[in-house]
């Protein structure tokens, strides 16, 4: 079945009388004088992390999902413990080697992190993953590799996958030529090889969750598999971090079989709770697999 973004754009986000809107946010704005890229999000910007943060489960509004004109990844959680409804189905995405969730009958979690810059939380995250023998995928931008080669080497040495989040974190859906699209990915590949001496695994996550049918095809033509997500929470505000209780409410309540989980490595809360979070997920009967196994 073909993804028809025009039709999706025409869908109404809320039924008459509904008062809530999808949560939109933008990721990784170019930030500091040192050239870092930050996980910075704002409510009026472009990335849909999860609509369930603003649309009540079971409401009439939660039954509908829409994208913006730019094509933003969006989710609606309608039943606790079950996969959310997304902009496109797994079958629609599969033709582009794109995925957002795994087998809904298997209590498996695919753990991923987006990494725009390093602010001291990555060592604790890596320590927790090592303790639980969990292999994750880290989607990194180019400057993360160039400024943190030792952390990238540690990721690789400890069995994690380093994925491609583009070099400059632009809106890739607005890139019309394959050459420009390829350069954003190719420059990250080159930085990774320089840091590790190895070829980069061709896993791609669209910056800001923005996508289009044409750039999904471009990624596939370049040999990439594209990965969205089926669970995330508001963990990106560096100076307004969720409490442990708030994090567990979302990450335990909305976990589901086959979940591709997106966490941000810049989150202090994630660094502090990951060991306990992994334990709780394990106690719920979940195991962990890599995106390669998906």
C-alpha atoms as a PDB file:
ATOM      1  CA  UNK A   1       0.000   0.000   0.000  1.00  0.00           C
ATOM      2  CA  UNK A   2       1.415   3.368  -0.972  1.00  0.00           C
ATOM      3  CA  UNK A   3       1.980   6.082   1.600  1.00  0.00           C
ATOM      4  CA  UNK A   4      -0.065   9.081   0.477  1.00  0.00           C
ATOM      5  CA  UNK A   5       1.140  12.076   2.440  1.00  0.00           C
ATOM      6  CA  UNK A   6      -1.320  14.385   0.714  1.00  0.00           C
ATOM      7  CA  UNK A   7      -4.209  12.318   1.976  1.00  0.00           C
ATOM      8  CA  UNK A   8      -2.692  12.174   5.446  1.00  0.00           C
ATOM      9  CA  UNK A   9      -2.312  15.935   5.471  1.00  0.00           C
ATOM     10  CA  UNK A  10      -6.000  16.326   4.716  1.00  0.00           C
ATOM     11  CA  UNK A  11      -7.060  14.313   7.726  1.00  0.00           C
ATOM     12  CA  UNK A  12      -8.464  16.346  10.603  1.00  0.00           C
ATOM     13  CA  UNK A  13      -6.308  16.074  13.732  1.00  0.00           C
ATOM     14  CA  UNK A  14      -9.168  16.385  16.172  1.00  0.00           C
ATOM     15  CA  UNK A  15     -12.865  15.573  15.917  1.00  0.00           C
ATOM     16  CA  UNK A  16     -15.305  18.372  16.629  1.00  0.00           C
ATOM     17  CA  UNK A  17     -15.232  19.381  20.253  1.00  0.00           C
ATOM     18  CA  UNK A  18     -11.831  17.840  21.037  1.00  0.00           C
ATOM     19  CA  UNK A  19      -9.564  20.203  22.887  1.00  0.00           C
ATOM     20  CA  UNK A  20      -6.154  18.606  22.622  1.00  0.00           C
ATOM     21  CA  UNK A  21      -3.529  18.745  19.917  1.00  0.00           C
ATOM     22  CA  UNK A  22      -0.578  16.613  18.945  1.00  0.00           C
ATOM     23  CA  UNK A  23       2.625  17.504  20.715  1.00  0.00           C
ATOM     24  CA  UNK A  24       5.078  18.916  18.242  1.00  0.00           C
ATOM     25  CA  UNK A  25       8.737  19.550  18.943  1.00  0.00           C
ATOM     26  CA  UNK A  26      11.917  20.279  17.062  1.00  0.00           C
ATOM     27  CA  UNK A  27      15.146  18.419  17.655  1.00  0.00           C
ATOM     28  CA  UNK A  28      18.786  19.298  17.664  1.00  0.00           C
ATOM     29  CA  UNK A  29      19.086  22.973  16.786  1.00  0.00           C
ATOM     30  CA  UNK A  30      22.584  24.165  16.077  1.00  0.00           C
ATOM     31  CA  UNK A  31      23.634  25.538  19.398  1.00  0.00           C
ATOM     32  CA  UNK A  32      26.875  26.640  20.892  1.00  0.00           C
ATOM     33  CA  UNK A  33      29.875  28.560  19.678  1.00  0.00           C
ATOM     34  CA  UNK A  34      31.813  25.337  19.903  1.00  0.00           C
ATOM     35  CA  UNK A  35      29.623  23.959  17.161  1.00  0.00           C
ATOM     36  CA  UNK A  36      27.699  21.472  19.280  1.00  0.00           C
ATOM     37  CA  UNK A  37      24.286  20.253  18.238  1.00  0.00           C
ATOM     38  CA  UNK A  38      21.745  20.273  21.048  1.00  0.00           C
ATOM     39  CA  UNK A  39      18.633  18.229  21.703  1.00  0.00           C
ATOM     40  CA  UNK A  40      16.461  21.322  21.904  1.00  0.00           C
ATOM     41  CA  UNK A  41      12.717  21.101  21.411  1.00  0.00           C
ATOM     42  CA  UNK A  42       9.903  23.610  21.460  1.00  0.00           C
ATOM     43  CA  UNK A  43       6.128  23.068  21.362  1.00  0.00           C
ATOM     44  CA  UNK A  44       5.673  25.012  18.135  1.00  0.00           C
ATOM     45  CA  UNK A  45       8.382  23.273  16.180  1.00  0.00           C
ATOM     46  CA  UNK A  46       8.514  20.238  14.013  1.00  0.00           C
ATOM     47  CA  UNK A  47       8.918  16.846  15.672  1.00  0.00           C
ATOM     48  CA  UNK A  48       6.007  14.772  16.919  1.00  0.00           C
ATOM     49  CA  UNK A  49       7.394  12.699  19.755  1.00  0.00           C
ATOM     50  CA  UNK A  50       4.143  11.174  20.956  1.00  0.00           C
ATOM     51  CA  UNK A  51       0.622  12.420  20.632  1.00  0.00           C
ATOM     52  CA  UNK A  52      -0.417  10.448  23.682  1.00  0.00           C
ATOM     53  CA  UNK A  53       1.218  13.053  25.907  1.00  0.00           C
ATOM     54  CA  UNK A  54      -1.621  15.409  24.971  1.00  0.00           C
ATOM     55  CA  UNK A  55      -4.427  13.201  23.673  1.00  0.00           C
ATOM     56  CA  UNK A  56      -6.236  11.190  26.371  1.00  0.00           C
ATOM     57  CA  UNK A  57      -6.270   7.457  25.799  1.00  0.00           C
ATOM     58  CA  UNK A  58      -9.676   6.222  24.684  1.00  0.00           C
ATOM     59  CA  UNK A  59     -10.894   9.684  23.678  1.00  0.00           C
ATOM     60  CA  UNK A  60     -12.508  10.313  20.320  1.00  0.00           C
ATOM     61  CA  UNK A  61      -9.528  12.420  19.342  1.00  0.00           C
ATOM     62  CA  UNK A  62      -7.072   9.624  20.062  1.00  0.00           C
ATOM     63  CA  UNK A  63      -8.566   7.579  17.238  1.00  0.00           C
ATOM     64  CA  UNK A  64      -7.171   9.943  14.626  1.00  0.00           C
ATOM     65  CA  UNK A  65      -3.608  10.752  13.634  1.00  0.00           C
ATOM     66  CA  UNK A  66      -2.388  13.291  11.120  1.00  0.00           C
ATOM     67  CA  UNK A  67       0.892  14.644   9.866  1.00  0.00           C
ATOM     68  CA  UNK A  68       1.793  18.235   9.221  1.00  0.00           C
ATOM     69  CA  UNK A  69       2.471  19.470   5.711  1.00  0.00           C
ATOM     70  CA  UNK A  70       6.127  18.616   6.261  1.00  0.00           C
ATOM     71  CA  UNK A  71       5.420  15.006   7.184  1.00  0.00           C
ATOM     72  CA  UNK A  72       6.044  14.580  10.919  1.00  0.00           C
ATOM     73  CA  UNK A  73       6.175  11.213  12.611  1.00  0.00           C
ATOM     74  CA  UNK A  74       3.211  10.921  14.967  1.00  0.00           C
ATOM     75  CA  UNK A  75       1.800   8.383  17.418  1.00  0.00           C
ATOM     76  CA  UNK A  76      -1.455   7.893  19.298  1.00  0.00           C
ATOM     77  CA  UNK A  77      -1.570   5.538  22.288  1.00  0.00           C
ATOM     78  CA  UNK A  78      -5.068   4.090  22.577  1.00  0.00           C
ATOM     79  CA  UNK A  79      -4.575   1.187  24.975  1.00  0.00           C
ATOM     80  CA  UNK A  80      -1.972   0.735  27.686  1.00  0.00           C
ATOM     81  CA  UNK A  81       0.481  -2.029  26.919  1.00  0.00           C
ATOM     82  CA  UNK A  82      -0.405  -2.097  23.226  1.00  0.00           C
ATOM     83  CA  UNK A  83       1.441  -0.595  20.228  1.00  0.00           C
ATOM     84  CA  UNK A  84       0.313   2.920  19.285  1.00  0.00           C
ATOM     85  CA  UNK A  85      -1.307   3.960  16.037  1.00  0.00           C
ATOM     86  CA  UNK A  86       1.231   5.734  13.815  1.00  0.00           C
ATOM     87  CA  UNK A  87       1.198   7.899  10.688  1.00  0.00           C
ATOM     88  CA  UNK A  88       1.946   4.897   8.519  1.00  0.00           C
ATOM     89  CA  UNK A  89       1.493   1.184   9.044  1.00  0.00           C
ATOM     90  CA  UNK A  90       4.342  -1.283   9.315  1.00  0.00           C
ATOM     91  CA  UNK A  91       3.309  -2.699   5.943  1.00  0.00           C
ATOM     92  CA  UNK A  92       3.421   0.720   4.288  1.00  0.00           C
ATOM     93  CA  UNK A  93       6.871   1.451   5.690  1.00  0.00           C
ATOM     94  CA  UNK A  94       8.362  -1.956   4.988  1.00  0.00           C
ATOM     95  CA  UNK A  95       8.591  -1.366   1.229  1.00  0.00           C
ATOM     96  CA  UNK A  96      11.115   1.383   2.046  1.00  0.00           C
ATOM     97  CA  UNK A  97      13.037  -0.770   4.543  1.00  0.00           C
ATOM     98  CA  UNK A  98      11.580   1.488   7.236  1.00  0.00           C
ATOM     99  CA  UNK A  99      10.295   0.393  10.650  1.00  0.00           C
ATOM    100  CA  UNK A 100       8.773   1.784  13.837  1.00  0.00           C
ATOM    101  CA  UNK A 101       7.865  -1.334  15.807  1.00  0.00           C
ATOM    102  CA  UNK A 102       8.515  -5.051  15.921  1.00  0.00           C
ATOM    103  CA  UNK A 103       6.357  -8.138  16.460  1.00  0.00           C
ATOM    104  CA  UNK A 104       3.377  -7.195  18.634  1.00  0.00           C
ATOM    105  CA  UNK A 105       3.187 -10.786  19.907  1.00  0.00           C
ATOM    106  CA  UNK A 106       6.742 -10.818  21.281  1.00  0.00           C
ATOM    107  CA  UNK A 107       7.690  -9.181  24.591  1.00  0.00           C
ATOM    108  CA  UNK A 108      10.823  -7.693  23.083  1.00  0.00           C
ATOM    109  CA  UNK A 109      12.225  -4.165  23.339  1.00  0.00           C
ATOM    110  CA  UNK A 110      14.536  -2.555  20.792  1.00  0.00           C
ATOM    111  CA  UNK A 111      16.330   0.185  22.722  1.00  0.00           C
ATOM    112  CA  UNK A 112      17.625   3.259  20.868  1.00  0.00           C
ATOM    113  CA  UNK A 113      19.126   6.605  21.843  1.00  0.00           C
ATOM    114  CA  UNK A 114      19.432   9.868  19.917  1.00  0.00           C
ATOM    115  CA  UNK A 115      22.698  11.650  20.650  1.00  0.00           C
ATOM    116  CA  UNK A 116      23.260  15.257  19.588  1.00  0.00           C
ATOM    117  CA  UNK A 117      25.970  16.227  22.061  1.00  0.00           C
ATOM    118  CA  UNK A 118      27.598  14.909  25.219  1.00  0.00           C
ATOM    119  CA  UNK A 119      26.744  16.509  28.550  1.00  0.00           C
ATOM    120  CA  UNK A 120      28.010  13.858  30.936  1.00  0.00           C
ATOM    121  CA  UNK A 121      25.203  11.291  30.919  1.00  0.00           C
ATOM    122  CA  UNK A 122      26.533   8.849  28.338  1.00  0.00           C
ATOM    123  CA  UNK A 123      28.981   6.993  30.652  1.00  0.00           C
ATOM    124  CA  UNK A 124      26.171   6.171  33.103  1.00  0.00           C
ATOM    125  CA  UNK A 125      23.942   5.022  30.241  1.00  0.00           C
ATOM    126  CA  UNK A 126      26.677   2.778  28.860  1.00  0.00           C
ATOM    127  CA  UNK A 127      27.407   1.418  32.348  1.00  0.00           C
ATOM    128  CA  UNK A 128      23.746   0.443  32.853  1.00  0.00           C
ATOM    129  CA  UNK A 129      23.542  -1.218  29.440  1.00  0.00           C
ATOM    130  CA  UNK A 130      26.710  -3.182  30.152  1.00  0.00           C
ATOM    131  CA  UNK A 131      25.397  -4.296  33.550  1.00  0.00           C
ATOM    132  CA  UNK A 132      22.240  -5.697  31.940  1.00  0.00           C
ATOM    133  CA  UNK A 133      24.027  -7.028  28.858  1.00  0.00           C
ATOM    134  CA  UNK A 134      21.742  -4.955  26.608  1.00  0.00           C
ATOM    135  CA  UNK A 135      22.873  -3.843  23.167  1.00  0.00           C
ATOM    136  CA  UNK A 136      21.357  -0.557  21.999  1.00  0.00           C
ATOM    137  CA  UNK A 137      21.525   1.594  18.883  1.00  0.00           C
ATOM    138  CA  UNK A 138      22.825   5.157  19.200  1.00  0.00           C
ATOM    139  CA  UNK A 139      21.752   7.493  16.411  1.00  0.00           C
ATOM    140  CA  UNK A 140      24.404  10.196  16.372  1.00  0.00           C
ATOM    141  CA  UNK A 141      24.981  13.413  14.461  1.00  0.00           C
ATOM    142  CA  UNK A 142      28.341  14.151  12.881  1.00  0.00           C
ATOM    143  CA  UNK A 143      29.606  16.551  15.540  1.00  0.00           C
ATOM    144  CA  UNK A 144      29.009  13.978  18.277  1.00  0.00           C
ATOM    145  CA  UNK A 145      31.503  11.657  16.592  1.00  0.00           C
ATOM    146  CA  UNK A 146      34.098  14.369  15.998  1.00  0.00           C
ATOM    147  CA  UNK A 147      33.935  15.684  19.573  1.00  0.00           C
ATOM    148  CA  UNK A 148      33.519  12.343  21.385  1.00  0.00           C
ATOM    149  CA  UNK A 149      35.519   9.720  19.492  1.00  0.00           C
ATOM    150  CA  UNK A 150      36.355   7.793  22.685  1.00  0.00           C
ATOM    151  CA  UNK A 151      32.679   7.381  23.570  1.00  0.00           C
ATOM    152  CA  UNK A 152      31.922   6.238  20.030  1.00  0.00           C
ATOM    153  CA  UNK A 153      34.738   3.706  20.263  1.00  0.00           C
ATOM    154  CA  UNK A 154      33.353   2.500  23.599  1.00  0.00           C
ATOM    155  CA  UNK A 155      29.892   2.053  22.085  1.00  0.00           C
ATOM    156  CA  UNK A 156      31.328  -0.096  19.333  1.00  0.00           C
ATOM    157  CA  UNK A 157      33.611  -2.069  21.651  1.00  0.00           C
ATOM    158  CA  UNK A 158      30.731  -2.896  24.002  1.00  0.00           C
ATOM    159  CA  UNK A 159      28.536  -4.272  21.237  1.00  0.00           C
ATOM    160  CA  UNK A 160      26.290  -1.319  20.490  1.00  0.00           C
ATOM    161  CA  UNK A 161      25.363  -0.078  17.026  1.00  0.00           C
ATOM    162  CA  UNK A 162      26.088   3.486  15.985  1.00  0.00           C
ATOM    163  CA  UNK A 163      23.423   4.717  13.587  1.00  0.00           C
ATOM    164  CA  UNK A 164      23.222   7.746  11.299  1.00  0.00           C
ATOM    165  CA  UNK A 165      21.257  10.825  12.377  1.00  0.00           C
ATOM    166  CA  UNK A 166      22.821  12.991   9.609  1.00  0.00           C
ATOM    167  CA  UNK A 167      25.731  15.388   9.981  1.00  0.00           C
ATOM    168  CA  UNK A 168      23.933  18.729  10.428  1.00  0.00           C
ATOM    169  CA  UNK A 169      20.472  17.527  11.485  1.00  0.00           C
ATOM    170  CA  UNK A 170      18.473  19.323   8.770  1.00  0.00           C
ATOM    171  CA  UNK A 171      14.914  18.725   7.655  1.00  0.00           C
ATOM    172  CA  UNK A 172      15.740  15.910   5.262  1.00  0.00           C
ATOM    173  CA  UNK A 173      12.229  15.895   3.806  1.00  0.00           C
ATOM    174  CA  UNK A 174      13.045  19.236   2.189  1.00  0.00           C
ATOM    175  CA  UNK A 175      16.169  17.904   0.460  1.00  0.00           C
ATOM    176  CA  UNK A 176      15.173  17.253  -3.128  1.00  0.00           C
ATOM    177  CA  UNK A 177      18.347  15.789  -4.626  1.00  0.00           C
ATOM    178  CA  UNK A 178      19.860  12.426  -3.907  1.00  0.00           C
ATOM    179  CA  UNK A 179      23.329  13.999  -3.956  1.00  0.00           C
ATOM    180  CA  UNK A 180      22.535  16.390  -1.100  1.00  0.00           C
ATOM    181  CA  UNK A 181      20.741  13.643   0.815  1.00  0.00           C
ATOM    182  CA  UNK A 182      23.706  11.320   0.381  1.00  0.00           C
ATOM    183  CA  UNK A 183      26.200  13.953   1.595  1.00  0.00           C
ATOM    184  CA  UNK A 184      24.389  14.378   4.925  1.00  0.00           C
ATOM    185  CA  UNK A 185      24.668  10.644   5.538  1.00  0.00           C
ATOM    186  CA  UNK A 186      28.032  10.149   3.873  1.00  0.00           C
ATOM    187  CA  UNK A 187      29.790  12.758   6.012  1.00  0.00           C
ATOM    188  CA  UNK A 188      28.700  10.884   9.149  1.00  0.00           C
ATOM    189  CA  UNK A 189      29.936   7.616   7.666  1.00  0.00           C
ATOM    190  CA  UNK A 190      33.327   9.213   6.992  1.00  0.00           C
ATOM    191  CA  UNK A 191      33.575  10.628  10.527  1.00  0.00           C
ATOM    192  CA  UNK A 192      32.687   7.245  12.025  1.00  0.00           C
ATOM    193  CA  UNK A 193      35.290   5.431   9.949  1.00  0.00           C
ATOM    194  CA  UNK A 194      37.938   7.981  10.900  1.00  0.00           C
ATOM    195  CA  UNK A 195      37.112   7.526  14.593  1.00  0.00           C
ATOM    196  CA  UNK A 196      36.811   3.735  14.656  1.00  0.00           C
ATOM    197  CA  UNK A 197      38.448   2.400  11.504  1.00  0.00           C
ATOM    198  CA  UNK A 198      35.219   0.535  10.724  1.00  0.00           C
ATOM    199  CA  UNK A 199      32.371   0.954   8.269  1.00  0.00           C
ATOM    200  CA  UNK A 200      29.194   2.388   9.731  1.00  0.00           C
ATOM    201  CA  UNK A 201      26.068   0.246   9.987  1.00  0.00           C
ATOM    202  CA  UNK A 202      23.530   1.704   7.565  1.00  0.00           C
ATOM    203  CA  UNK A 203      20.770   2.504  10.025  1.00  0.00           C
ATOM    204  CA  UNK A 204      19.128   5.924   9.664  1.00  0.00           C
ATOM    205  CA  UNK A 205      16.774   7.975  11.831  1.00  0.00           C
ATOM    206  CA  UNK A 206      15.226  11.069  10.214  1.00  0.00           C
ATOM    207  CA  UNK A 207      16.080  14.285  12.087  1.00  0.00           C
ATOM    208  CA  UNK A 208      13.119  15.830  13.877  1.00  0.00           C
ATOM    209  CA  UNK A 209      11.034  12.827  12.837  1.00  0.00           C
ATOM    210  CA  UNK A 210      10.436  14.489   9.465  1.00  0.00           C
ATOM    211  CA  UNK A 211      10.070  12.268   6.450  1.00  0.00           C
ATOM    212  CA  UNK A 212       8.633  12.008   2.980  1.00  0.00           C
ATOM    213  CA  UNK A 213       8.016   9.147   0.629  1.00  0.00           C
ATOM    214  CA  UNK A 214      10.833  10.325  -1.632  1.00  0.00           C
ATOM    215  CA  UNK A 215      13.490  10.557   1.068  1.00  0.00           C
ATOM    216  CA  UNK A 216      12.523   7.174   2.481  1.00  0.00           C
ATOM    217  CA  UNK A 217      13.220   5.870  -1.004  1.00  0.00           C
ATOM    218  CA  UNK A 218      16.512   7.803  -1.156  1.00  0.00           C
ATOM    219  CA  UNK A 219      17.641   6.195   2.086  1.00  0.00           C
ATOM    220  CA  UNK A 220      16.730   2.757   0.777  1.00  0.00           C
ATOM    221  CA  UNK A 221      18.584   3.411  -2.490  1.00  0.00           C
ATOM    222  CA  UNK A 222      21.683   4.236  -0.426  1.00  0.00           C
ATOM    223  CA  UNK A 223      21.405   0.900   1.365  1.00  0.00           C
ATOM    224  CA  UNK A 224      19.924   2.296   4.585  1.00  0.00           C
ATOM    225  CA  UNK A 225      17.176   0.986   6.802  1.00  0.00           C
ATOM    226  CA  UNK A 226      15.111   3.772   8.378  1.00  0.00           C
ATOM    227  CA  UNK A 227      13.965   3.547  12.001  1.00  0.00           C
ATOM    228  CA  UNK A 228      11.270   5.638  13.626  1.00  0.00           C
ATOM    229  CA  UNK A 229       9.990   4.715  17.115  1.00  0.00           C
ATOM    230  CA  UNK A 230       6.884   3.509  18.935  1.00  0.00           C
ATOM    231  CA  UNK A 231       7.638   4.902  22.405  1.00  0.00           C
ATOM    232  CA  UNK A 232       9.279   8.120  23.578  1.00  0.00           C
ATOM    233  CA  UNK A 233       8.607  10.641  26.315  1.00  0.00           C
ATOM    234  CA  UNK A 234       9.432  14.270  27.074  1.00  0.00           C
ATOM    235  CA  UNK A 235      13.063  13.867  28.157  1.00  0.00           C
ATOM    236  CA  UNK A 236      14.820  16.489  26.028  1.00  0.00           C
ATOM    237  CA  UNK A 237      14.565  19.727  28.042  1.00  0.00           C
ATOM    238  CA  UNK A 238      18.001  19.819  29.666  1.00  0.00           C
ATOM    239  CA  UNK A 239      16.945  22.343  32.326  1.00  0.00           C
ATOM    240  CA  UNK A 240      13.482  20.886  32.932  1.00  0.00           C
ATOM    241  CA  UNK A 241      13.990  17.173  33.326  1.00  0.00           C
ATOM    242  CA  UNK A 242      11.125  14.817  34.236  1.00  0.00           C
ATOM    243  CA  UNK A 243      11.154  13.305  37.687  1.00  0.00           C
ATOM    244  CA  UNK A 244      11.864   9.626  38.142  1.00  0.00           C
ATOM    245  CA  UNK A 245       8.160   9.057  38.839  1.00  0.00           C
ATOM    246  CA  UNK A 246       7.085  10.895  35.677  1.00  0.00           C
ATOM    247  CA  UNK A 247       9.568   8.943  33.584  1.00  0.00           C
ATOM    248  CA  UNK A 248       8.457   5.582  34.952  1.00  0.00           C
ATOM    249  CA  UNK A 249       4.788   6.468  34.449  1.00  0.00           C
ATOM    250  CA  UNK A 250       5.352   6.862  30.697  1.00  0.00           C
ATOM    251  CA  UNK A 251       8.079   4.294  30.101  1.00  0.00           C
ATOM    252  CA  UNK A 252       6.451   1.502  32.109  1.00  0.00           C
ATOM    253  CA  UNK A 253       2.811   2.309  31.351  1.00  0.00           C
ATOM    254  CA  UNK A 254       3.271   2.568  27.594  1.00  0.00           C
ATOM    255  CA  UNK A 255       5.841  -0.135  26.984  1.00  0.00           C
ATOM    256  CA  UNK A 256       4.480  -2.751  24.600  1.00  0.00           C
ATOM    257  CA  UNK A 257       5.629  -5.893  22.798  1.00  0.00           C
ATOM    258  CA  UNK A 258       7.933  -5.080  19.899  1.00  0.00           C
ATOM    259  CA  UNK A 259       8.565  -1.513  21.067  1.00  0.00           C
ATOM    260  CA  UNK A 260      11.290   0.560  19.447  1.00  0.00           C
ATOM    261  CA  UNK A 261      12.053   2.910  22.334  1.00  0.00           C
ATOM    262  CA  UNK A 262      13.600   6.339  21.765  1.00  0.00           C
ATOM    263  CA  UNK A 263      15.462   7.949  24.670  1.00  0.00           C
ATOM    264  CA  UNK A 264      17.800  10.940  24.577  1.00  0.00           C
ATOM    265  CA  UNK A 265      21.310  10.489  25.901  1.00  0.00           C
ATOM    266  CA  UNK A 266      21.356  14.144  26.989  1.00  0.00           C
ATOM    267  CA  UNK A 267      18.718  13.409  29.638  1.00  0.00           C
ATOM    268  CA  UNK A 268      20.029  13.432  33.195  1.00  0.00           C
ATOM    269  CA  UNK A 269      16.936  11.514  34.275  1.00  0.00           C
ATOM    270  CA  UNK A 270      17.643   8.755  31.765  1.00  0.00           C
ATOM    271  CA  UNK A 271      21.200   8.437  33.035  1.00  0.00           C
ATOM    272  CA  UNK A 272      19.973   8.157  36.618  1.00  0.00           C
ATOM    273  CA  UNK A 273      17.086   5.725  36.075  1.00  0.00           C
ATOM    274  CA  UNK A 274      18.280   3.463  33.270  1.00  0.00           C
ATOM    275  CA  UNK A 275      19.630   0.696  35.514  1.00  0.00           C
ATOM    276  CA  UNK A 276      16.359   0.532  37.460  1.00  0.00           C
ATOM    277  CA  UNK A 277      14.270   0.970  34.290  1.00  0.00           C
ATOM    278  CA  UNK A 278      15.935  -2.000  32.615  1.00  0.00           C
ATOM    279  CA  UNK A 279      15.351  -4.052  35.762  1.00  0.00           C
ATOM    280  CA  UNK A 280      11.656  -3.133  35.832  1.00  0.00           C
ATOM    281  CA  UNK A 281      11.201  -3.964  32.163  1.00  0.00           C
ATOM    282  CA  UNK A 282      12.900  -7.316  32.758  1.00  0.00           C
ATOM    283  CA  UNK A 283      10.593  -7.974  35.733  1.00  0.00           C
ATOM    284  CA  UNK A 284       7.651  -7.324  33.393  1.00  0.00           C
ATOM    285  CA  UNK A 285       8.894 -10.189  31.231  1.00  0.00           C
ATOM    286  CA  UNK A 286      10.604  -8.201  28.488  1.00  0.00           C
ATOM    287  CA  UNK A 287      13.835  -9.149  26.780  1.00  0.00           C
ATOM    288  CA  UNK A 288      16.005  -7.010  24.538  1.00  0.00           C
ATOM    289  CA  UNK A 289      17.032  -7.438  20.945  1.00  0.00           C
ATOM    290  CA  UNK A 290      19.014  -5.348  18.487  1.00  0.00           C
ATOM    291  CA  UNK A 291      17.615  -3.559  15.469  1.00  0.00           C
ATOM    292  CA  UNK A 292      19.609  -6.032  13.370  1.00  0.00           C
ATOM    293  CA  UNK A 293      17.317  -8.759  14.731  1.00  0.00           C
ATOM    294  CA  UNK A 294      14.201  -6.776  13.839  1.00  0.00           C
END
